[in-house]
Amino acid sequence: MGNKFIDGIALTIAIIGAVNWGLIGFFDFNLVAAIFGSMTWFSRIIYALVGICGLYLICFYMRLGDSSAEA
């Protein structure tokens, strides 16, 4: 359960970050800033978590490639 649970959380947070970037790109609307304030300490934590999850998912992507080569 350990890695699968962390993978799911990281993927969910990265998707939320991607949706936020889509809203910024298409509508110039920053959902995180609208909910938590512009660059408050809490919004900075959200942005940091999205970044950390993105970096973690690079490793997840590499593991995904390794498992498909073995099959």
Protein backbone atom coordinates (compact mmCIF):
# COMPACT_ATOMS: atom_id res chain seq x y z
CA MET A 1 0.00 0.00 0.00
CA GLY A 2 2.88 2.38 0.76
CA ASN A 3 4.14 3.41 -2.66
CA LYS A 4 0.77 3.16 -4.37
CA PHE A 5 -0.79 5.46 -1.79
CA ILE A 6 2.01 8.04 -2.13
CA ASP A 7 1.83 7.77 -5.94
CA GLY A 8 -1.90 8.49 -5.82
CA ILE A 9 -1.52 11.50 -3.54
CA ALA A 10 1.33 12.92 -5.63
CA LEU A 11 -0.64 12.42 -8.83
CA THR A 12 -3.73 14.07 -7.35
CA ILE A 13 -1.78 17.12 -6.15
CA ALA A 14 0.00 17.41 -9.51
CA ILE A 15 -3.34 17.27 -11.34
CA ILE A 16 -4.73 20.01 -9.10
CA GLY A 17 -1.63 22.08 -9.92
CA ALA A 18 -2.08 21.41 -13.63
CA VAL A 19 -5.73 22.50 -13.47
CA ASN A 20 -4.63 25.68 -11.70
CA TRP A 21 -2.07 26.39 -14.45
CA GLY A 22 -4.74 25.74 -17.07
CA LEU A 23 -7.02 28.25 -15.39
CA ILE A 24 -4.19 30.78 -15.32
CA GLY A 25 -3.37 30.20 -18.99
CA PHE A 26 -6.90 30.20 -20.37
CA PHE A 27 -8.75 32.61 -18.08
CA ASP A 28 -6.02 34.51 -16.16
CA PHE A 29 -7.55 33.14 -12.95
CA ASN A 30 -5.34 31.75 -10.20
CA LEU A 31 -7.50 29.43 -8.09
CA VAL A 32 -4.91 29.00 -5.34
CA ALA A 33 -4.54 32.77 -4.96
CA ALA A 34 -8.32 33.20 -4.99
CA ILE A 35 -8.81 30.65 -2.20
CA PHE A 36 -5.75 31.22 -0.01
CA GLY A 37 -4.58 34.74 -0.97
CA SER A 38 -1.82 35.93 -3.25
CA MET A 39 1.51 34.51 -2.06
CA THR A 40 0.48 33.98 1.55
CA TRP A 41 2.47 31.40 3.49
CA PHE A 42 -0.27 28.84 2.90
CA SER A 43 -0.42 29.42 -0.86
CA ARG A 44 3.38 29.13 -0.99
CA ILE A 45 3.10 25.76 0.76
CA ILE A 46 0.55 24.65 -1.86
CA TYR A 47 2.88 25.71 -4.68
CA ALA A 48 5.82 23.95 -2.99
CA LEU A 49 3.79 20.73 -2.59
CA VAL A 50 2.83 20.81 -6.27
CA GLY A 51 6.51 21.25 -7.19
CA ILE A 52 7.64 18.43 -4.92
CA CYS A 53 4.95 16.14 -6.32
CA GLY A 54 6.05 17.01 -9.84
CA LEU A 55 9.62 16.03 -8.99
CA TYR A 56 8.42 12.84 -7.33
CA LEU A 57 6.37 11.96 -10.40
CA ILE A 58 9.49 12.15 -12.56
CA CYS A 59 10.73 9.15 -10.56
CA PHE A 60 7.28 7.55 -10.88
CA TYR A 61 7.47 8.01 -14.65
CA MET A 62 10.88 6.34 -14.75
CA ARG A 63 9.59 3.40 -12.67
CA LEU A 64 6.66 3.07 -15.04
CA GLY A 65 9.06 2.78 -17.95
CA ASP A 66 11.12 0.15 -16.15
CA SER A 67 8.13 -2.06 -15.37
CA SER A 68 6.90 -2.03 -18.97
CA ALA A 69 10.32 -3.13 -20.22
CA GLU A 70 10.24 -6.20 -17.95
CA ALA A 71 6.83 -7.40 -19.13
